[in-house]
Amino acid sequence: MEELIKQVSERTGISREQAQTAVETVLTHVKKALPDSISSQLDAVLGGGAGAVGDLSSRAGDIVGGLGGMLGGKKD
């Protein structure tokens, strides 16, 4: 999650603390809208520290597929 906070701060020009608040607010909102299985995967990826980017790549298909199914897209 630190990398996401850093990117938000750099891209928007806001402080790290403001970026952290923004990221946490958005993630809380998104996780409430997701099924528990996908929300827990998101938690695992964001809490993964240095390996989070690789973990995100390996789980991206599952997460995106789940979101597509939620939104009425093609289900495998």
C-alpha atoms as a PDB file:
ATOM      1  CA  MET A   1       0.000   0.000   0.000  1.00  0.00           C
ATOM      2  CA  GLU A   2       2.960   2.291   0.559  1.00  0.00           C
ATOM      3  CA  GLU A   3       3.688   2.320  -3.165  1.00  0.00           C
ATOM      4  CA  LEU A   4       0.102   3.343  -3.919  1.00  0.00           C
ATOM      5  CA  ILE A   5       0.237   6.125  -1.334  1.00  0.00           C
ATOM      6  CA  LYS A   6       3.541   7.336  -2.800  1.00  0.00           C
ATOM      7  CA  GLN A   7       2.116   7.372  -6.328  1.00  0.00           C
ATOM      8  CA  VAL A   8      -1.009   9.262  -5.272  1.00  0.00           C
ATOM      9  CA  SER A   9       1.114  11.822  -3.448  1.00  0.00           C
ATOM     10  CA  GLU A  10       3.503  12.289  -6.370  1.00  0.00           C
ATOM     11  CA  ARG A  11       0.846  12.415  -9.070  1.00  0.00           C
ATOM     12  CA  THR A  12      -1.474  14.796  -7.259  1.00  0.00           C
ATOM     13  CA  GLY A  13       1.043  16.949  -5.412  1.00  0.00           C
ATOM     14  CA  ILE A  14      -0.628  16.353  -2.044  1.00  0.00           C
ATOM     15  CA  SER A  15       1.228  15.412   1.125  1.00  0.00           C
ATOM     16  CA  ARG A  16       1.904  11.802   2.021  1.00  0.00           C
ATOM     17  CA  GLU A  17      -0.545  12.071   4.913  1.00  0.00           C
ATOM     18  CA  GLN A  18      -3.291  13.408   2.641  1.00  0.00           C
ATOM     19  CA  ALA A  19      -2.575  10.677   0.099  1.00  0.00           C
ATOM     20  CA  GLN A  20      -2.767   8.031   2.823  1.00  0.00           C
ATOM     21  CA  THR A  21      -6.148   9.350   3.943  1.00  0.00           C
ATOM     22  CA  ALA A  22      -7.399   9.387   0.355  1.00  0.00           C
ATOM     23  CA  VAL A  23      -6.189   5.852  -0.373  1.00  0.00           C
ATOM     24  CA  GLU A  24      -7.628   4.454   2.852  1.00  0.00           C
ATOM     25  CA  THR A  25     -10.972   6.176   2.221  1.00  0.00           C
ATOM     26  CA  VAL A  26     -11.253   4.831  -1.320  1.00  0.00           C
ATOM     27  CA  LEU A  27     -10.147   1.309  -0.339  1.00  0.00           C
ATOM     28  CA  THR A  28     -12.637   1.171   2.524  1.00  0.00           C
ATOM     29  CA  HIS A  29     -15.422   2.191   0.171  1.00  0.00           C
ATOM     30  CA  VAL A  30     -14.379  -0.271  -2.550  1.00  0.00           C
ATOM     31  CA  LYS A  31     -13.953  -3.182  -0.118  1.00  0.00           C
ATOM     32  CA  LYS A  32     -17.455  -2.635   1.278  1.00  0.00           C
ATOM     33  CA  ALA A  33     -18.852  -2.981  -2.247  1.00  0.00           C
ATOM     34  CA  LEU A  34     -16.938  -6.190  -3.027  1.00  0.00           C
ATOM     35  CA  PRO A  35     -17.821  -9.746  -2.069  1.00  0.00           C
ATOM     36  CA  ASP A  36     -15.863 -10.953   0.958  1.00  0.00           C
ATOM     37  CA  SER A  37     -13.711 -13.303  -1.126  1.00  0.00           C
ATOM     38  CA  ILE A  38     -12.474 -10.504  -3.369  1.00  0.00           C
ATOM     39  CA  SER A  39     -12.188  -8.019  -0.520  1.00  0.00           C
ATOM     40  CA  SER A  40      -9.939 -10.423   1.394  1.00  0.00           C
ATOM     41  CA  GLN A  41      -7.759 -10.886  -1.704  1.00  0.00           C
ATOM     42  CA  LEU A  42      -7.420  -7.133  -1.961  1.00  0.00           C
ATOM     43  CA  ASP A  43      -6.391  -6.976   1.711  1.00  0.00           C
ATOM     44  CA  ALA A  44      -3.805  -9.700   1.141  1.00  0.00           C
ATOM     45  CA  VAL A  45      -2.320  -7.929  -1.858  1.00  0.00           C
ATOM     46  CA  LEU A  46      -2.187  -4.510  -0.226  1.00  0.00           C
ATOM     47  CA  GLY A  47      -0.791  -5.857   3.013  1.00  0.00           C
ATOM     48  CA  GLY A  48       1.873  -7.866   1.213  1.00  0.00           C
ATOM     49  CA  GLY A  49       4.731  -5.387   1.512  1.00  0.00           C
ATOM     50  CA  ALA A  50       7.545  -5.699  -1.020  1.00  0.00           C
ATOM     51  CA  GLY A  51       5.997  -8.715  -2.740  1.00  0.00           C
ATOM     52  CA  ALA A  52       2.666  -7.038  -3.258  1.00  0.00           C
ATOM     53  CA  VAL A  53       3.305  -6.072  -6.875  1.00  0.00           C
ATOM     54  CA  GLY A  54       4.104  -9.634  -7.912  1.00  0.00           C
ATOM     55  CA  ASP A  55       1.213 -10.926  -5.862  1.00  0.00           C
ATOM     56  CA  LEU A  56      -1.081  -8.411  -7.513  1.00  0.00           C
ATOM     57  CA  SER A  57      -0.007  -9.621 -10.954  1.00  0.00           C
ATOM     58  CA  SER A  58      -0.687 -13.220 -10.090  1.00  0.00           C
ATOM     59  CA  ARG A  59      -4.109 -12.458  -8.609  1.00  0.00           C
ATOM     60  CA  ALA A  60      -5.215  -9.770 -11.023  1.00  0.00           C
ATOM     61  CA  GLY A  61      -7.091 -12.198 -13.253  1.00  0.00           C
ATOM     62  CA  ASP A  62      -9.069 -13.574 -10.322  1.00  0.00           C
ATOM     63  CA  ILE A  63      -9.898 -10.141  -8.972  1.00  0.00           C
ATOM     64  CA  VAL A  64     -10.847  -8.668 -12.353  1.00  0.00           C
ATOM     65  CA  GLY A  65     -12.840 -11.783 -13.216  1.00  0.00           C
ATOM     66  CA  GLY A  66     -14.744 -11.497  -9.966  1.00  0.00           C
ATOM     67  CA  LEU A  67     -15.489  -7.843 -10.587  1.00  0.00           C
ATOM     68  CA  GLY A  68     -16.609  -8.618 -14.135  1.00  0.00           C
ATOM     69  CA  GLY A  69     -18.966 -11.252 -12.814  1.00  0.00           C
ATOM     70  CA  MET A  70     -20.344  -8.825 -10.238  1.00  0.00           C
ATOM     71  CA  LEU A  71     -20.956  -6.251 -12.930  1.00  0.00           C
ATOM     72  CA  GLY A  72     -22.708  -8.685 -15.264  1.00  0.00           C
ATOM     73  CA  GLY A  73     -19.726  -9.483 -17.456  1.00  0.00           C
ATOM     74  CA  LYS A  74     -18.629 -12.837 -18.761  1.00  0.00           C
ATOM     75  CA  LYS A  75     -18.203 -15.484 -16.087  1.00  0.00           C
ATOM     76  CA  ASP A  76     -15.742 -18.342 -16.523  1.00  0.00           C
END
